[in-house]
Structure formats: C-alpha cells, structure tokens
Amino acid sequence: MEEYSVLDIFSYVPKQKIDLEQLETIFVNEINNVNAATNGYYVEKYKQIHELEKNIKIAVEDLQNEGKKIAFIKKGRKIIAVVGYKVT
C-alpha cells in the first residue's frame, strides 16, 4: 500500500465544524479506500473531467502548477476540501 504526505489543504468548511487536522486524518485513512465513506466523508482523487466551482478550480490550478497530486475530501456530493499531496 502506498503512503502519502499531505502538503496543502484548502478547506471550505468552518474550522469549528472540522479542522485541518481532522481533514488530514480523513485523507490519510480514506485515500486507498474507494467509496469507503467514514462518517459520510470520503476521498476522491482528482480527474480532469470535473466541473468545479471557481474557488475550487483556482486551488486545483495552484496545486497543479506546483506539481502536486490532488484529491478532494467530500461529504455526500459536496467538496469540503482540496488536498495537495505526494506519494512517499
């Protein structure tokens, strides 16, 4: 199983609801579990077929320009965070 290092997190929910540490934990636990939602959260690796909201698209473009891999943390169908990561 591959290991991952989180480099950046762009969160779209208030930290009172879920903080960056919790988002990183969700990412690490869920990245290899396709459709294995924990507490309603799951991780989806970025594919260029997505139509994205403007602020999310900007985050994705910034991470791409830095050469980072990208994933979304989602709750239901809603993207709650964009994660920039690397395989270690």
PDB file of N, CA and C in Angstrom:
ATOM      1  N   MET A   1       0.844  -1.182   0.000  1.00  0.00           N
ATOM      2  CA  MET A   1       0.000   0.000   0.000  1.00  0.00           C
ATOM      3  C   MET A   1       0.887   1.243   0.000  1.00  0.00           C
ATOM      4  N   GLU A   2       0.518   2.213  -0.820  1.00  0.00           N
ATOM      5  CA  GLU A   2       1.295   3.446  -0.901  1.00  0.00           C
ATOM      6  C   GLU A   2       1.070   4.306   0.331  1.00  0.00           C
ATOM      7  N   GLU A   3       2.075   5.129   0.634  1.00  0.00           N
ATOM      8  CA  GLU A   3       1.942   6.100   1.711  1.00  0.00           C
ATOM      9  C   GLU A   3       1.914   7.491   1.099  1.00  0.00           C
ATOM     10  N   TYR A   4       1.215   8.394   1.757  1.00  0.00           N
ATOM     11  CA  TYR A   4       1.001   9.733   1.231  1.00  0.00           C
ATOM     12  C   TYR A   4       1.397  10.784   2.252  1.00  0.00           C
ATOM     13  N   SER A   5       1.905  11.904   1.757  1.00  0.00           N
ATOM     14  CA  SER A   5       2.183  13.067   2.594  1.00  0.00           C
ATOM     15  C   SER A   5       1.288  14.208   2.138  1.00  0.00           C
ATOM     16  N   VAL A   6       0.563  14.782   3.083  1.00  0.00           N
ATOM     17  CA  VAL A   6      -0.279  15.937   2.786  1.00  0.00           C
ATOM     18  C   VAL A   6       0.610  17.171   2.753  1.00  0.00           C
ATOM     19  N   LEU A   7       0.522  17.942   1.671  1.00  0.00           N
ATOM     20  CA  LEU A   7       1.327  19.148   1.510  1.00  0.00           C
ATOM     21  C   LEU A   7       0.498  20.410   1.707  1.00  0.00           C
ATOM     22  N   ASP A   8      -0.755  20.401   1.261  1.00  0.00           N
ATOM     23  CA  ASP A   8      -1.655  21.555   1.367  1.00  0.00           C
ATOM     24  C   ASP A   8      -3.084  21.071   1.551  1.00  0.00           C
ATOM     25  N   ILE A   9      -3.855  21.863   2.300  1.00  0.00           N
ATOM     26  CA  ILE A   9      -5.289  21.611   2.414  1.00  0.00           C
ATOM     27  C   ILE A   9      -6.014  22.941   2.263  1.00  0.00           C
ATOM     28  N   PHE A  10      -6.949  22.985   1.327  1.00  0.00           N
ATOM     29  CA  PHE A  10      -7.834  24.131   1.159  1.00  0.00           C
ATOM     30  C   PHE A  10      -9.209  23.683   1.649  1.00  0.00           C
ATOM     31  N   SER A  11      -9.617  24.188   2.797  1.00  0.00           N
ATOM     32  CA  SER A  11     -10.879  23.776   3.402  1.00  0.00           C
ATOM     33  C   SER A  11     -11.986  24.765   3.056  1.00  0.00           C
ATOM     34  N   TYR A  12     -13.175  24.228   2.831  1.00  0.00           N
ATOM     35  CA  TYR A  12     -14.339  25.046   2.508  1.00  0.00           C
ATOM     36  C   TYR A  12     -15.443  24.911   3.554  1.00  0.00           C
ATOM     37  N   VAL A  13     -15.045  24.506   4.768  1.00  0.00           N
ATOM     38  CA  VAL A  13     -15.972  24.447   5.899  1.00  0.00           C
ATOM     39  C   VAL A  13     -15.313  25.147   7.087  1.00  0.00           C
ATOM     40  N   PRO A  14     -16.106  25.703   7.999  1.00  0.00           N
ATOM     41  CA  PRO A  14     -15.524  26.378   9.161  1.00  0.00           C
ATOM     42  C   PRO A  14     -14.733  25.411  10.043  1.00  0.00           C
ATOM     43  N   LYS A  15     -13.634  25.905  10.626  1.00  0.00           N
ATOM     44  CA  LYS A  15     -12.808  25.024  11.460  1.00  0.00           C
ATOM     45  C   LYS A  15     -13.555  24.545  12.694  1.00  0.00           C
ATOM     46  N   GLN A  16     -14.622  25.243  13.099  1.00  0.00           N
ATOM     47  CA  GLN A  16     -15.424  24.782  14.218  1.00  0.00           C
ATOM     48  C   GLN A  16     -16.161  23.494  13.864  1.00  0.00           C
ATOM     49  N   LYS A  17     -16.414  23.316  12.577  1.00  0.00           N
ATOM     50  CA  LYS A  17     -17.113  22.119  12.105  1.00  0.00           C
ATOM     51  C   LYS A  17     -16.125  20.955  11.926  1.00  0.00           C
ATOM     52  N   ILE A  18     -15.013  21.243  11.267  1.00  0.00           N
ATOM     53  CA  ILE A  18     -13.967  20.235  11.053  1.00  0.00           C
ATOM     54  C   ILE A  18     -12.658  20.976  10.793  1.00  0.00           C
ATOM     55  N   ASP A  19     -11.645  20.671  11.598  1.00  0.00           N
ATOM     56  CA  ASP A  19     -10.388  21.414  11.471  1.00  0.00           C
ATOM     57  C   ASP A  19      -9.425  20.707  10.514  1.00  0.00           C
ATOM     58  N   LEU A  20      -8.287  21.359  10.263  1.00  0.00           N
ATOM     59  CA  LEU A  20      -7.327  20.832   9.281  1.00  0.00           C
ATOM     60  C   LEU A  20      -6.745  19.487   9.708  1.00  0.00           C
ATOM     61  N   GLU A  21      -6.529  19.298  10.998  1.00  0.00           N
ATOM     62  CA  GLU A  21      -6.018  18.005  11.480  1.00  0.00           C
ATOM     63  C   GLU A  21      -6.999  16.887  11.172  1.00  0.00           C
ATOM     64  N   GLN A  22      -8.280  17.156  11.404  1.00  0.00           N
ATOM     65  CA  GLN A  22      -9.303  16.150  11.119  1.00  0.00           C
ATOM     66  C   GLN A  22      -9.371  15.860   9.622  1.00  0.00           C
ATOM     67  N   LEU A  23      -9.254  16.908   8.798  1.00  0.00           N
ATOM     68  CA  LEU A  23      -9.265  16.709   7.347  1.00  0.00           C
ATOM     69  C   LEU A  23      -8.077  15.864   6.912  1.00  0.00           C
ATOM     70  N   GLU A  24      -6.911  16.124   7.486  1.00  0.00           N
ATOM     71  CA  GLU A  24      -5.723  15.326   7.137  1.00  0.00           C
ATOM     72  C   GLU A  24      -5.918  13.869   7.544  1.00  0.00           C
ATOM     73  N   THR A  25      -6.495  13.639   8.712  1.00  0.00           N
ATOM     74  CA  THR A  25      -6.760  12.269   9.167  1.00  0.00           C
ATOM     75  C   THR A  25      -7.731  11.562   8.222  1.00  0.00           C
ATOM     76  N   ILE A  26      -8.794  12.254   7.818  1.00  0.00           N
ATOM     77  CA  ILE A  26      -9.744  11.664   6.865  1.00  0.00           C
ATOM     78  C   ILE A  26      -9.016  11.302   5.574  1.00  0.00           C
ATOM     79  N   PHE A  27      -8.185  12.222   5.064  1.00  0.00           N
ATOM     80  CA  PHE A  27      -7.460  11.967   3.826  1.00  0.00           C
ATOM     81  C   PHE A  27      -6.595  10.710   3.948  1.00  0.00           C
ATOM     82  N   VAL A  28      -5.772  10.656   4.981  1.00  0.00           N
ATOM     83  CA  VAL A  28      -4.840   9.532   5.156  1.00  0.00           C
ATOM     84  C   VAL A  28      -5.591   8.212   5.300  1.00  0.00           C
ATOM     85  N   ASN A  29      -6.699   8.229   6.038  1.00  0.00           N
ATOM     86  CA  ASN A  29      -7.458   6.996   6.266  1.00  0.00           C
ATOM     87  C   ASN A  29      -8.246   6.537   5.053  1.00  0.00           C
ATOM     88  N   GLU A  30      -8.680   7.483   4.218  1.00  0.00           N
ATOM     89  CA  GLU A  30      -9.607   7.145   3.149  1.00  0.00           C
ATOM     90  C   GLU A  30      -9.013   7.086   1.747  1.00  0.00           C
ATOM     91  N   ILE A  31      -7.789   7.586   1.543  1.00  0.00           N
ATOM     92  CA  ILE A  31      -7.240   7.706   0.180  1.00  0.00           C
ATOM     93  C   ILE A  31      -7.197   6.367  -0.553  1.00  0.00           C
ATOM     94  N   ASN A  32      -6.958   5.287   0.140  1.00  0.00           N
ATOM     95  CA  ASN A  32      -6.893   3.983  -0.518  1.00  0.00           C
ATOM     96  C   ASN A  32      -8.209   3.219  -0.502  1.00  0.00           C
ATOM     97  N   ASN A  33      -9.206   3.750   0.169  1.00  0.00           N
ATOM     98  CA  ASN A  33     -10.491   3.067   0.294  1.00  0.00           C
ATOM     99  C   ASN A  33     -11.510   3.688  -0.650  1.00  0.00           C
ATOM    100  N   VAL A  34     -11.598   3.161  -1.830  1.00  0.00           N
ATOM    101  CA  VAL A  34     -12.539   3.700  -2.806  1.00  0.00           C
ATOM    102  C   VAL A  34     -13.967   3.490  -2.312  1.00  0.00           C
ATOM    103  N   ASN A  35     -14.717   4.592  -2.245  1.00  0.00           N
ATOM    104  CA  ASN A  35     -16.121   4.577  -1.806  1.00  0.00           C
ATOM    105  C   ASN A  35     -16.321   4.001  -0.408  1.00  0.00           C
ATOM    106  N   ALA A  36     -15.324   4.135   0.447  1.00  0.00           N
ATOM    107  CA  ALA A  36     -15.455   3.653   1.823  1.00  0.00           C
ATOM    108  C   ALA A  36     -15.638   4.852   2.747  1.00  0.00           C
ATOM    109  N   ALA A  37     -16.804   5.430   2.721  1.00  0.00           N
ATOM    110  CA  ALA A  37     -17.073   6.652   3.486  1.00  0.00           C
ATOM    111  C   ALA A  37     -17.066   6.382   4.979  1.00  0.00           C
ATOM    112  N   THR A  38     -16.361   7.244   5.715  1.00  0.00           N
ATOM    113  CA  THR A  38     -16.355   7.205   7.171  1.00  0.00           C
ATOM    114  C   THR A  38     -17.069   8.449   7.652  1.00  0.00           C
ATOM    115  N   ASN A  39     -18.097   8.263   8.437  1.00  0.00           N
ATOM    116  CA  ASN A  39     -18.887   9.387   8.926  1.00  0.00           C
ATOM    117  C   ASN A  39     -19.374  10.270   7.784  1.00  0.00           C
ATOM    118  N   GLY A  40     -19.597   9.674   6.634  1.00  0.00           N
ATOM    119  CA  GLY A  40     -20.095  10.430   5.497  1.00  0.00           C
ATOM    120  C   GLY A  40     -19.028  11.112   4.664  1.00  0.00           C
ATOM    121  N   TYR A  41     -17.756  11.031   5.083  1.00  0.00           N
ATOM    122  CA  TYR A  41     -16.651  11.662   4.348  1.00  0.00           C
ATOM    123  C   TYR A  41     -15.935  10.618   3.499  1.00  0.00           C
ATOM    124  N   TYR A  42     -15.498  11.026   2.317  1.00  0.00           N
ATOM    125  CA  TYR A  42     -14.664  10.142   1.512  1.00  0.00           C
ATOM    126  C   TYR A  42     -13.716  10.972   0.659  1.00  0.00           C
ATOM    127  N   VAL A  43     -12.709  10.302   0.144  1.00  0.00           N
ATOM    128  CA  VAL A  43     -11.673  10.962  -0.655  1.00  0.00           C
ATOM    129  C   VAL A  43     -11.787  10.489  -2.092  1.00  0.00           C
ATOM    130  N   GLU A  44     -11.702  11.449  -2.998  1.00  0.00           N
ATOM    131  CA  GLU A  44     -11.760  11.148  -4.429  1.00  0.00           C
ATOM    132  C   GLU A  44     -10.559  11.808  -5.100  1.00  0.00           C
ATOM    133  N   LYS A  45      -9.742  11.002  -5.768  1.00  0.00           N
ATOM    134  CA  LYS A  45      -8.603  11.566  -6.497  1.00  0.00           C
ATOM    135  C   LYS A  45      -9.107  12.414  -7.653  1.00  0.00           C
ATOM    136  N   TYR A  46      -8.408  13.504  -7.904  1.00  0.00           N
ATOM    137  CA  TYR A  46      -8.816  14.449  -8.948  1.00  0.00           C
ATOM    138  C   TYR A  46      -8.649  13.845 -10.330  1.00  0.00           C
ATOM    139  N   LYS A  47      -9.682  14.005 -11.134  1.00  0.00           N
ATOM    140  CA  LYS A  47      -9.641  13.674 -12.559  1.00  0.00           C
ATOM    141  C   LYS A  47     -10.097  14.922 -13.294  1.00  0.00           C
ATOM    142  N   GLN A  48      -9.558  15.185 -14.436  1.00  0.00           N
ATOM    143  CA  GLN A  48      -9.837  16.433 -15.137  1.00  0.00           C
ATOM    144  C   GLN A  48     -11.244  16.524 -15.719  1.00  0.00           C
ATOM    145  N   ILE A  49     -12.086  15.561 -15.447  1.00  0.00           N
ATOM    146  CA  ILE A  49     -13.436  15.596 -16.006  1.00  0.00           C
ATOM    147  C   ILE A  49     -14.407  16.400 -15.143  1.00  0.00           C
ATOM    148  N   HIS A  50     -13.971  16.826 -13.967  1.00  0.00           N
ATOM    149  CA  HIS A  50     -14.854  17.553 -13.058  1.00  0.00           C
ATOM    150  C   HIS A  50     -15.152  18.969 -13.544  1.00  0.00           C
ATOM    151  N   GLU A  51     -16.378  19.376 -13.350  1.00  0.00           N
ATOM    152  CA  GLU A  51     -16.714  20.792 -13.465  1.00  0.00           C
ATOM    153  C   GLU A  51     -16.673  21.322 -12.048  1.00  0.00           C
ATOM    154  N   LEU A  52     -15.881  22.369 -11.838  1.00  0.00           N
ATOM    155  CA  LEU A  52     -15.622  22.832 -10.487  1.00  0.00           C
ATOM    156  C   LEU A  52     -16.094  24.261 -10.275  1.00  0.00           C
ATOM    157  N   GLU A  53     -16.450  24.563  -9.026  1.00  0.00           N
ATOM    158  CA  GLU A  53     -16.733  25.942  -8.655  1.00  0.00           C
ATOM    159  C   GLU A  53     -15.448  26.745  -8.808  1.00  0.00           C
ATOM    160  N   LYS A  54     -15.589  28.042  -9.010  1.00  0.00           N
ATOM    161  CA  LYS A  54     -14.439  28.895  -9.313  1.00  0.00           C
ATOM    162  C   LYS A  54     -13.346  28.818  -8.247  1.00  0.00           C
ATOM    163  N   ASN A  55     -13.701  28.918  -6.950  1.00  0.00           N
ATOM    164  CA  ASN A  55     -12.681  28.908  -5.902  1.00  0.00           C
ATOM    165  C   ASN A  55     -11.967  27.559  -5.811  1.00  0.00           C
ATOM    166  N   ILE A  56     -12.682  26.488  -6.068  1.00  0.00           N
ATOM    167  CA  ILE A  56     -12.069  25.160  -6.058  1.00  0.00           C
ATOM    168  C   ILE A  56     -11.162  25.002  -7.273  1.00  0.00           C
ATOM    169  N   LYS A  57     -11.615  25.489  -8.415  1.00  0.00           N
ATOM    170  CA  LYS A  57     -10.810  25.419  -9.639  1.00  0.00           C
ATOM    171  C   LYS A  57      -9.486  26.168  -9.465  1.00  0.00           C
ATOM    172  N   ILE A  58      -9.509  27.325  -8.800  1.00  0.00           N
ATOM    173  CA  ILE A  58      -8.290  28.092  -8.559  1.00  0.00           C
ATOM    174  C   ILE A  58      -7.323  27.291  -7.679  1.00  0.00           C
ATOM    175  N   ALA A  59      -7.834  26.663  -6.621  1.00  0.00           N
ATOM    176  CA  ALA A  59      -6.986  25.842  -5.748  1.00  0.00           C
ATOM    177  C   ALA A  59      -6.358  24.689  -6.526  1.00  0.00           C
ATOM    178  N   VAL A  60      -7.160  24.027  -7.363  1.00  0.00           N
ATOM    179  CA  VAL A  60      -6.658  22.911  -8.178  1.00  0.00           C
ATOM    180  C   VAL A  60      -5.561  23.398  -9.124  1.00  0.00           C
ATOM    181  N   GLU A  61      -5.781  24.526  -9.775  1.00  0.00           N
ATOM    182  CA  GLU A  61      -4.779  25.059 -10.703  1.00  0.00           C
ATOM    183  C   GLU A  61      -3.485  25.415  -9.978  1.00  0.00           C
ATOM    184  N   ASP A  62      -3.591  26.003  -8.784  1.00  0.00           N
ATOM    185  CA  ASP A  62      -2.393  26.328  -7.997  1.00  0.00           C
ATOM    186  C   ASP A  62      -1.607  25.066  -7.660  1.00  0.00           C
ATOM    187  N   LEU A  63      -2.298  24.027  -7.223  1.00  0.00           N
ATOM    188  CA  LEU A  63      -1.630  22.774  -6.866  1.00  0.00           C
ATOM    189  C   LEU A  63      -1.017  22.110  -8.096  1.00  0.00           C
ATOM    190  N   GLN A  64      -1.712  22.154  -9.224  1.00  0.00           N
ATOM    191  CA  GLN A  64      -1.170  21.590 -10.467  1.00  0.00           C
ATOM    192  C   GLN A  64       0.101  22.325 -10.872  1.00  0.00           C
ATOM    193  N   ASN A  65       0.086  23.651 -10.760  1.00  0.00           N
ATOM    194  CA  ASN A  65       1.259  24.445 -11.123  1.00  0.00           C
ATOM    195  C   ASN A  65       2.458  24.128 -10.236  1.00  0.00           C
ATOM    196  N   GLU A  66       2.198  23.668  -9.019  1.00  0.00           N
ATOM    197  CA  GLU A  66       3.269  23.291  -8.098  1.00  0.00           C
ATOM    198  C   GLU A  66       3.659  21.820  -8.258  1.00  0.00           C
ATOM    199  N   GLY A  67       3.019  21.107  -9.177  1.00  0.00           N
ATOM    200  CA  GLY A  67       3.352  19.711  -9.445  1.00  0.00           C
ATOM    201  C   GLY A  67       2.852  18.722  -8.399  1.00  0.00           C
ATOM    202  N   LYS A  68       1.842  19.098  -7.656  1.00  0.00           N
ATOM    203  CA  LYS A  68       1.314  18.231  -6.603  1.00  0.00           C
ATOM    204  C   LYS A  68       0.147  17.401  -7.125  1.00  0.00           C
ATOM    205  N   LYS A  69      -0.013  16.227  -6.531  1.00  0.00           N
ATOM    206  CA  LYS A  69      -1.191  15.414  -6.810  1.00  0.00           C
ATOM    207  C   LYS A  69      -2.359  16.035  -6.050  1.00  0.00           C
ATOM    208  N   ILE A  70      -3.569  15.783  -6.530  1.00  0.00           N
ATOM    209  CA  ILE A  70      -4.740  16.458  -5.980  1.00  0.00           C
ATOM    210  C   ILE A  70      -5.835  15.442  -5.677  1.00  0.00           C
ATOM    211  N   ALA A  71      -6.487  15.668  -4.538  1.00  0.00           N
ATOM    212  CA  ALA A  71      -7.661  14.876  -4.176  1.00  0.00           C
ATOM    213  C   ALA A  71      -8.679  15.793  -3.515  1.00  0.00           C
ATOM    214  N   PHE A  72      -9.923  15.346  -3.521  1.00  0.00           N
ATOM    215  CA  PHE A  72     -10.997  16.071  -2.861  1.00  0.00           C
ATOM    216  C   PHE A  72     -11.461  15.262  -1.665  1.00  0.00           C
ATOM    217  N   ILE A  73     -11.760  15.959  -0.572  1.00  0.00           N
ATOM    218  CA  ILE A  73     -12.490  15.332   0.520  1.00  0.00           C
ATOM    219  C   ILE A  73     -13.928  15.785   0.334  1.00  0.00           C
ATOM    220  N   LYS A  74     -14.814  14.795   0.295  1.00  0.00           N
ATOM    221  CA  LYS A  74     -16.219  15.100   0.027  1.00  0.00           C
ATOM    222  C   LYS A  74     -17.092  14.568   1.150  1.00  0.00           C
ATOM    223  N   LYS A  75     -18.195  15.255   1.339  1.00  0.00           N
ATOM    224  CA  LYS A  75     -19.259  14.753   2.217  1.00  0.00           C
ATOM    225  C   LYS A  75     -20.498  14.745   1.341  1.00  0.00           C
ATOM    226  N   GLY A  76     -20.987  13.563   1.065  1.00  0.00           N
ATOM    227  CA  GLY A  76     -22.029  13.444   0.063  1.00  0.00           C
ATOM    228  C   GLY A  76     -21.429  13.814  -1.279  1.00  0.00           C
ATOM    229  N   ARG A  77     -22.089  14.693  -2.014  1.00  0.00           N
ATOM    230  CA  ARG A  77     -21.561  15.129  -3.315  1.00  0.00           C
ATOM    231  C   ARG A  77     -20.782  16.429  -3.219  1.00  0.00           C
ATOM    232  N   LYS A  78     -20.733  17.019  -2.030  1.00  0.00           N
ATOM    233  CA  LYS A  78     -20.128  18.337  -1.850  1.00  0.00           C
ATOM    234  C   LYS A  78     -18.637  18.229  -1.517  1.00  0.00           C
ATOM    235  N   ILE A  79     -17.820  18.976  -2.253  1.00  0.00           N
ATOM    236  CA  ILE A  79     -16.394  19.052  -1.961  1.00  0.00           C
ATOM    237  C   ILE A  79     -16.226  19.966  -0.748  1.00  0.00           C
ATOM    238  N   ILE A  80     -15.626  19.434   0.325  1.00  0.00           N
ATOM    239  CA  ILE A  80     -15.398  20.254   1.514  1.00  0.00           C
ATOM    240  C   ILE A  80     -13.931  20.652   1.662  1.00  0.00           C
ATOM    241  N   ALA A  81     -13.036  19.989   0.908  1.00  0.00           N
ATOM    242  CA  ALA A  81     -11.621  20.352   0.968  1.00  0.00           C
ATOM    243  C   ALA A  81     -10.906  19.842  -0.283  1.00  0.00           C
ATOM    244  N   VAL A  82      -9.883  20.593  -0.673  1.00  0.00           N
ATOM    245  CA  VAL A  82      -8.974  20.177  -1.750  1.00  0.00           C
ATOM    246  C   VAL A  82      -7.634  19.903  -1.084  1.00  0.00           C
ATOM    247  N   VAL A  83      -7.052  18.744  -1.386  1.00  0.00           N
ATOM    248  CA  VAL A  83      -5.795  18.340  -0.764  1.00  0.00           C
ATOM    249  C   VAL A  83      -4.712  18.219  -1.823  1.00  0.00           C
ATOM    250  N   GLY A  84      -3.574  18.850  -1.560  1.00  0.00           N
ATOM    251  CA  GLY A  84      -2.386  18.657  -2.378  1.00  0.00           C
ATOM    252  C   GLY A  84      -1.501  17.671  -1.651  1.00  0.00           C
ATOM    253  N   TYR A  85      -1.047  16.623  -2.337  1.00  0.00           N
ATOM    254  CA  TYR A  85      -0.278  15.574  -1.662  1.00  0.00           C
ATOM    255  C   TYR A  85       0.795  15.014  -2.587  1.00  0.00           C
ATOM    256  N   LYS A  86       1.661  14.191  -1.994  1.00  0.00           N
ATOM    257  CA  LYS A  86       2.636  13.437  -2.771  1.00  0.00           C
ATOM    258  C   LYS A  86       2.687  12.013  -2.240  1.00  0.00           C
ATOM    259  N   VAL A  87       3.084  11.106  -3.103  1.00  0.00           N
ATOM    260  CA  VAL A  87       3.280   9.721  -2.704  1.00  0.00           C
ATOM    261  C   VAL A  87       4.696   9.630  -2.168  1.00  0.00           C
ATOM    262  N   THR A  88       4.834   9.037  -0.958  1.00  0.00           N
ATOM    263  CA  THR A  88       6.160   8.947  -0.343  1.00  0.00           C
ATOM    264  C   THR A  88       6.733   7.551  -0.438  1.00  0.00           C
TER     265      THR A  88
END
